[in-house]
Amino acid sequence: MSTSYYRLMVWYLKGKREYTRLGYEAAAKNFREDDLKVDCKGKVYVITGANSGIGKSVALEVAKKGGVVHMVCRNRQYAETAKNEIVEASGNQDVHVHILDLSVPRDVVKFANEFQETVNHCHVLVNNAGCMLHEKQVDADGLEKNFATNSLGTHILTRKLLPLLKKAEKSRVVNVASGGMLLQKLAHDDIQLEKLVPFDGTTAYSQQKRQQVTLTEMYAKENPEVHFSVMHPGWADTPAVRSAMPDFHAKMKDVLRTPEQGADTALWLAISDKALEHPSGLFFQDRAPVATHLPLAWTKSTDAEKESFMKQMNDLFEKFDGVKT
């Protein structure tokens, strides 16, 4: 058995045990019901990818608890439909739609600037939006679309909203990642996987989720005023999974989590005071911090490698933001 095959098997068996609906139900036996009995009135929540799946589930629950919800979505039709459903189900009219393609850095900058000017409040940012394209697409700026959406768009939005988050009490950033990142070491010297030939969307996605974990760790070190966390929703039956991984969905559909189960930890991290008892920068699964590497992992990076990656991300941020920091 090759080492790579061994790692994959360890991860798959772990997933079958922990990431499925049965894994959630086992973990949920230890959940405290009171953790989510929270009044969100007066707080502003920015949630990307909020028109379906995990993002919509988080948006709905926050709306039910009285929070001001800002849905950041790519498709207006889907977003408006989801908004209407959330308003009807929650009775909360304070739900707003913003149309943004996170893969276009200048549009992310523009949105964030306008948000600061018009709303001027943000207590919680949930970076949930993502994509998994299996054919390589590179834009005029040389950005591969998966990377531009999952990593750079998330980074720019987070950096741009930090001034608002730092002004808010008990502010937080929650990044939605994936357990697939456990199979990837941070490619600090090839952050867009230009050396990945042939291109593979699943590998790219897993690498970008590793990047999100690293970003979360680095944000926490640099911004003690804000609580940062990153989470794995488990294997959930969402529209994104069905479209991006049809074979996986067909094989696992009978054991996948519901979107609500997948969203539980993201919601807990976004609203519960209990979540703030944990140090900033950790990786969570089913309301508990978990390891960011498999046993005997080859995936660990040095501090220098993480700093190199962060510098490249900040250089890209400055390129598109147009302001030297």
Protein backbone atom coordinates (compact mmCIF):
# COMPACT_ATOMS: atom_id res chain seq x y z
CA MET A 1 0.00 0.00 0.00
CA SER A 2 1.49 3.34 -0.99
CA THR A 3 1.79 6.14 1.54
CA SER A 4 -0.60 8.37 -0.38
CA TYR A 5 -3.18 5.60 -0.59
CA TYR A 6 -2.75 4.98 3.13
CA ARG A 7 -3.43 8.64 3.91
CA LEU A 8 -6.51 8.62 1.71
CA MET A 9 -7.85 5.50 3.40
CA VAL A 10 -7.25 6.95 6.89
CA TRP A 11 -9.13 10.07 5.87
CA TYR A 12 -12.00 8.16 4.25
CA LEU A 13 -12.49 5.90 7.25
CA LYS A 14 -12.39 8.93 9.52
CA GLY A 15 -15.03 10.55 7.33
CA LYS A 16 -17.30 7.51 7.39
CA ARG A 17 -17.11 7.54 11.18
CA GLU A 18 -17.29 11.28 11.88
CA TYR A 19 -18.47 13.29 8.86
CA THR A 20 -21.73 11.48 8.07
CA ARG A 21 -25.19 11.98 9.57
CA LEU A 22 -24.46 9.24 12.12
CA GLY A 23 -21.27 11.06 13.08
CA TYR A 24 -23.24 14.23 13.68
CA GLU A 25 -25.89 12.43 15.72
CA ALA A 26 -23.22 10.85 17.91
CA ALA A 27 -21.50 14.20 18.49
CA ALA A 28 -24.79 16.02 19.08
CA LYS A 29 -25.42 13.95 22.20
CA ASN A 30 -22.85 16.18 23.88
CA PHE A 31 -24.26 19.49 22.61
CA ARG A 32 -25.69 21.98 25.10
CA GLU A 33 -29.11 23.13 23.92
CA ASP A 34 -28.73 26.46 25.72
CA ASP A 35 -25.68 27.37 23.60
CA LEU A 36 -27.95 28.46 20.74
CA LYS A 37 -30.55 30.24 22.88
CA VAL A 38 -29.15 33.60 21.85
CA ASP A 39 -30.79 36.95 21.11
CA CYS A 40 -29.13 38.31 17.96
CA LYS A 41 -31.09 41.58 17.85
CA GLY A 42 -28.98 44.62 17.04
CA LYS A 43 -26.13 42.59 15.56
CA VAL A 44 -25.15 42.63 11.89
CA TYR A 45 -24.24 39.34 10.20
CA VAL A 46 -22.60 39.21 6.78
CA ILE A 47 -22.94 35.72 5.27
CA THR A 48 -21.51 34.80 1.87
CA GLY A 49 -23.13 32.11 -0.24
CA ALA A 50 -26.31 32.54 1.79
CA ASN A 51 -28.82 31.52 -0.88
CA SER A 52 -28.55 27.74 -0.36
CA GLY A 53 -27.08 24.96 1.72
CA ILE A 54 -25.06 25.80 4.81
CA GLY A 55 -25.05 29.56 4.23
CA LYS A 56 -28.83 29.70 3.93
CA SER A 57 -29.27 27.56 7.04
CA VAL A 58 -27.07 29.92 9.07
CA ALA A 59 -28.84 32.99 7.65
CA LEU A 60 -32.27 31.55 8.51
CA GLU A 61 -31.37 30.73 12.09
CA VAL A 62 -29.76 34.13 12.66
CA ALA A 63 -32.86 35.81 11.22
CA LYS A 64 -35.10 33.76 13.52
CA LYS A 65 -33.06 35.09 16.44
CA GLY A 66 -33.54 38.70 15.35
CA GLY A 67 -30.20 39.41 13.75
CA VAL A 68 -29.70 41.79 10.83
CA VAL A 69 -28.74 39.51 7.94
CA HIS A 70 -26.76 40.60 4.90
CA MET A 71 -26.75 37.85 2.28
CA VAL A 72 -23.80 38.13 -0.11
CA CYS A 73 -24.59 36.03 -3.16
CA ARG A 74 -23.57 35.69 -6.79
CA ASN A 75 -26.96 34.99 -8.41
CA ARG A 76 -29.71 37.57 -7.86
CA GLN A 77 -32.62 35.27 -8.69
CA TYR A 78 -31.52 32.57 -6.27
CA ALA A 79 -30.65 35.16 -3.63
CA GLU A 80 -33.99 36.96 -3.78
CA THR A 81 -35.88 33.66 -3.64
CA ALA A 82 -33.86 32.58 -0.60
CA LYS A 83 -34.35 35.97 1.05
CA ASN A 84 -38.12 35.76 0.65
CA GLU A 85 -38.12 32.25 2.13
CA ILE A 86 -36.00 33.38 5.08
CA VAL A 87 -38.20 36.42 5.75
CA GLU A 88 -41.35 34.30 5.60
CA ALA A 89 -39.96 31.57 7.84
CA SER A 90 -38.42 33.93 10.41
CA GLY A 91 -40.79 36.88 10.38
CA ASN A 92 -37.70 39.08 10.28
CA GLN A 93 -37.82 41.78 7.61
CA ASP A 94 -34.24 42.91 8.26
CA VAL A 95 -32.73 40.60 5.64
CA HIS A 96 -30.77 42.18 2.79
CA VAL A 97 -29.31 40.90 -0.48
CA HIS A 98 -26.01 41.99 -2.02
CA ILE A 99 -24.89 40.63 -5.37
CA LEU A 100 -21.16 39.88 -5.56
CA ASP A 101 -18.92 37.49 -7.46
CA LEU A 102 -16.12 36.75 -5.01
CA SER A 103 -13.86 35.63 -7.86
CA VAL A 104 -13.55 39.26 -9.06
CA PRO A 105 -11.20 41.00 -6.58
CA ARG A 106 -12.01 44.56 -7.63
CA ASP A 107 -15.71 43.88 -7.14
CA VAL A 108 -15.01 42.54 -3.65
CA VAL A 109 -13.10 45.72 -2.83
CA LYS A 110 -15.92 47.87 -4.22
CA PHE A 111 -18.58 45.97 -2.28
CA ALA A 112 -16.65 46.21 0.99
CA ASN A 113 -16.02 49.93 0.54
CA GLU A 114 -19.71 50.57 -0.13
CA PHE A 115 -20.72 48.37 2.80
CA GLN A 116 -18.51 50.37 5.14
CA GLU A 117 -20.04 53.61 3.90
CA THR A 118 -23.70 52.57 3.95
CA VAL A 119 -24.10 49.95 6.68
CA ASN A 120 -21.00 50.76 8.74
CA HIS A 121 -21.54 47.86 11.14
CA CYS A 122 -20.45 44.23 11.15
CA HIS A 123 -20.46 41.99 14.18
CA VAL A 124 -20.00 38.65 12.45
CA LEU A 125 -18.64 37.63 9.03
CA VAL A 126 -19.34 34.09 7.86
CA ASN A 127 -17.17 33.23 4.86
CA ASN A 128 -19.18 30.34 3.46
CA ALA A 129 -19.23 30.87 -0.32
CA GLY A 130 -17.02 28.64 -2.41
CA CYS A 131 -16.71 26.82 -5.69
CA MET A 132 -15.17 23.69 -7.14
CA LEU A 133 -14.60 24.00 -10.88
CA HIS A 134 -13.07 20.96 -12.52
CA GLU A 135 -11.78 22.79 -15.59
CA LYS A 136 -9.10 25.42 -15.11
CA GLN A 137 -10.24 28.99 -15.72
CA VAL A 138 -7.76 31.86 -15.54
CA ASP A 139 -8.83 35.50 -15.77
CA ALA A 140 -7.03 38.50 -17.27
CA ASP A 141 -5.20 39.10 -13.99
CA GLY A 142 -3.80 35.57 -14.01
CA LEU A 143 -6.10 34.35 -11.24
CA GLU A 144 -7.41 30.79 -11.31
CA LYS A 145 -11.13 30.97 -10.50
CA ASN A 146 -11.25 28.44 -7.66
CA PHE A 147 -8.38 30.24 -5.92
CA ALA A 148 -9.88 33.66 -6.64
CA THR A 149 -13.19 32.63 -5.06
CA ASN A 150 -12.21 30.37 -2.19
CA SER A 151 -9.01 32.01 -1.00
CA LEU A 152 -8.40 35.47 -2.41
CA GLY A 153 -12.00 36.68 -2.40
CA THR A 154 -12.40 35.48 1.18
CA HIS A 155 -9.14 37.16 2.19
CA ILE A 156 -9.99 40.49 0.59
CA LEU A 157 -13.48 40.58 2.10
CA THR A 158 -12.13 39.70 5.54
CA ARG A 159 -9.35 42.29 5.38
CA LYS A 160 -11.71 44.99 4.16
CA LEU A 161 -14.32 44.37 6.87
CA LEU A 162 -11.81 44.14 9.72
CA PRO A 163 -12.16 47.84 10.66
CA LEU A 164 -15.89 47.32 11.26
CA LEU A 165 -15.34 44.05 13.08
CA LYS A 166 -12.76 45.62 15.38
CA LYS A 167 -15.28 48.26 16.42
CA ALA A 168 -17.91 45.69 17.39
CA GLU A 169 -18.21 43.87 20.70
CA LYS A 170 -17.61 40.10 20.62
CA SER A 171 -17.01 40.24 16.88
CA ARG A 172 -16.13 37.11 14.95
CA VAL A 173 -15.12 35.70 11.61
CA VAL A 174 -16.19 32.14 10.80
CA ASN A 175 -14.64 30.42 7.79
CA VAL A 176 -16.34 27.35 6.34
CA ALA A 177 -13.66 24.89 5.19
CA SER A 178 -13.64 21.16 4.48
CA GLY A 179 -12.13 18.02 5.91
CA GLY A 180 -10.54 17.48 2.52
CA MET A 181 -7.87 19.95 3.56
CA LEU A 182 -6.43 17.23 5.81
CA LEU A 183 -5.01 15.61 2.68
CA GLN A 184 -3.15 18.75 1.62
CA LYS A 185 0.00 20.50 2.76
CA LEU A 186 0.03 24.25 2.26
CA ALA A 187 1.61 24.92 -1.15
CA HIS A 188 3.31 28.12 -0.05
CA ASP A 189 5.49 28.19 -3.14
CA ASP A 190 2.63 27.56 -5.60
CA ILE A 191 -0.46 29.15 -4.09
CA GLN A 192 -2.52 28.86 -7.30
CA LEU A 193 -1.30 25.33 -8.06
CA GLU A 194 0.12 26.35 -11.42
CA LYS A 195 2.36 23.26 -11.24
CA LEU A 196 -0.67 20.97 -10.91
CA VAL A 197 -0.74 19.28 -14.33
CA PRO A 198 -3.23 18.07 -15.27
CA PHE A 199 -5.44 20.43 -13.29
CA ASP A 200 -7.74 18.77 -10.76
CA GLY A 201 -10.61 20.72 -9.23
CA THR A 202 -10.93 18.50 -6.16
CA THR A 203 -7.24 18.89 -5.31
CA ALA A 204 -7.45 22.64 -5.88
CA TYR A 205 -10.48 22.92 -3.59
CA SER A 206 -8.79 20.90 -0.84
CA GLN A 207 -5.67 23.05 -1.12
CA GLN A 208 -7.72 26.23 -0.85
CA LYS A 209 -9.45 24.90 2.25
CA ARG A 210 -5.98 24.28 3.72
CA GLN A 211 -5.24 27.89 2.80
CA GLN A 212 -8.37 29.01 4.67
CA VAL A 213 -7.22 27.15 7.77
CA THR A 214 -3.84 28.86 7.54
CA LEU A 215 -5.44 32.26 6.96
CA THR A 216 -7.58 31.77 10.05
CA GLU A 217 -4.52 30.97 12.16
CA MET A 218 -2.67 34.02 10.86
CA TYR A 219 -5.65 36.36 11.27
CA ALA A 220 -5.95 35.30 14.89
CA LYS A 221 -2.30 36.13 15.59
CA GLU A 222 -2.54 39.53 13.94
CA ASN A 223 -5.99 40.69 15.14
CA PRO A 224 -6.65 39.91 18.81
CA GLU A 225 -9.72 42.19 18.84
CA VAL A 226 -11.68 39.69 16.71
CA HIS A 227 -12.40 36.00 17.34
CA PHE A 228 -11.52 33.88 14.30
CA SER A 229 -12.50 30.27 13.69
CA VAL A 230 -12.69 27.81 10.82
CA MET A 231 -14.92 24.77 10.67
CA HIS A 232 -15.67 21.56 8.80
CA PRO A 233 -19.40 20.97 8.22
CA GLY A 234 -19.00 17.27 7.61
CA TRP A 235 -20.40 15.63 4.51
CA ALA A 236 -23.67 17.46 3.96
CA ASP A 237 -26.30 17.07 1.27
CA THR A 238 -26.16 20.56 -0.28
CA PRO A 239 -26.70 21.82 -3.83
CA ALA A 240 -22.97 22.57 -4.05
CA VAL A 241 -22.04 18.96 -3.23
CA ARG A 242 -24.58 17.61 -5.69
CA SER A 243 -23.30 19.76 -8.56
CA ALA A 244 -19.56 19.69 -7.86
CA MET A 245 -19.24 16.04 -6.75
CA PRO A 246 -22.10 14.08 -8.34
CA ASP A 247 -20.34 10.71 -8.04
CA PHE A 248 -19.60 11.26 -4.35
CA HIS A 249 -23.17 12.41 -3.77
CA ALA A 250 -24.62 9.38 -5.55
CA LYS A 251 -22.49 7.02 -3.50
CA MET A 252 -22.98 8.70 -0.11
CA LYS A 253 -26.43 10.33 -0.36
CA ASP A 254 -28.05 7.96 2.12
CA VAL A 255 -25.62 8.90 4.91
CA LEU A 256 -25.02 12.59 4.23
CA ARG A 257 -25.89 15.20 6.83
CA THR A 258 -28.75 17.60 6.26
CA PRO A 259 -27.76 21.20 5.46
CA GLU A 260 -28.93 22.17 8.96
CA GLN A 261 -26.65 19.57 10.55
CA GLY A 262 -23.77 20.75 8.40
CA ALA A 263 -24.44 24.35 9.41
CA ASP A 264 -24.75 23.69 13.14
CA THR A 265 -21.13 24.39 14.07
CA ALA A 266 -20.92 27.47 11.84
CA LEU A 267 -24.02 28.85 13.56
CA TRP A 268 -22.63 27.94 17.00
CA LEU A 269 -19.36 29.70 16.22
CA ALA A 270 -21.22 32.75 14.90
CA ILE A 271 -23.61 33.32 17.82
CA SER A 272 -22.78 31.32 20.93
CA ASP A 273 -20.85 32.83 23.83
CA LYS A 274 -19.60 29.32 24.53
CA ALA A 275 -17.62 29.43 21.29
CA LEU A 276 -15.72 32.48 22.53
CA GLU A 277 -14.32 30.45 25.44
CA HIS A 278 -12.00 28.76 22.94
CA PRO A 279 -8.84 30.50 21.71
CA SER A 280 -9.06 32.34 18.42
CA GLY A 281 -7.74 30.64 15.29
CA LEU A 282 -8.84 27.04 15.87
CA PHE A 283 -10.39 24.47 13.51
CA PHE A 284 -13.76 23.08 14.64
CA GLN A 285 -15.90 20.06 13.93
CA ASP A 286 -19.22 19.46 15.68
CA ARG A 287 -18.71 22.31 18.16
CA ALA A 288 -15.27 21.13 19.27
CA PRO A 289 -11.74 22.11 18.24
CA VAL A 290 -10.00 19.32 16.33
CA ALA A 291 -6.57 18.68 14.86
CA THR A 292 -5.66 20.30 11.54
CA HIS A 293 -3.52 17.31 10.49
CA LEU A 294 -3.98 13.56 10.33
CA PRO A 295 -1.77 11.32 12.50
CA LEU A 296 1.78 10.92 11.14
CA ALA A 297 0.99 13.76 8.76
CA TRP A 298 3.32 15.12 6.14
CA THR A 299 1.05 18.16 5.85
CA LYS A 300 2.49 20.41 8.56
CA SER A 301 4.10 23.70 7.53
CA THR A 302 6.75 25.78 9.23
CA ASP A 303 6.06 29.28 10.50
CA ALA A 304 8.24 30.62 7.69
CA GLU A 305 6.15 28.81 5.07
CA LYS A 306 2.94 30.17 6.55
CA GLU A 307 4.39 33.68 6.62
CA SER A 308 5.49 33.35 3.00
CA PHE A 309 1.98 32.34 2.00
CA MET A 310 0.47 35.20 3.99
CA LYS A 311 2.79 37.72 2.38
CA GLN A 312 1.74 36.59 -1.08
CA MET A 313 -1.92 36.88 -0.13
CA ASN A 314 -1.40 40.35 1.31
CA ASP A 315 0.54 41.42 -1.79
CA LEU A 316 -2.47 40.38 -3.90
CA PHE A 317 -4.79 42.21 -1.53
CA GLU A 318 -2.77 45.40 -1.89
CA LYS A 319 -2.66 45.02 -5.66
CA PHE A 320 -6.42 45.05 -5.94
CA ASP A 321 -7.24 47.29 -3.01
CA GLY A 322 -4.92 49.95 -4.35
CA VAL A 323 -3.78 50.96 -0.88
CA LYS A 324 -0.39 50.08 0.54
CA THR A 325 -0.68 48.77 4.07
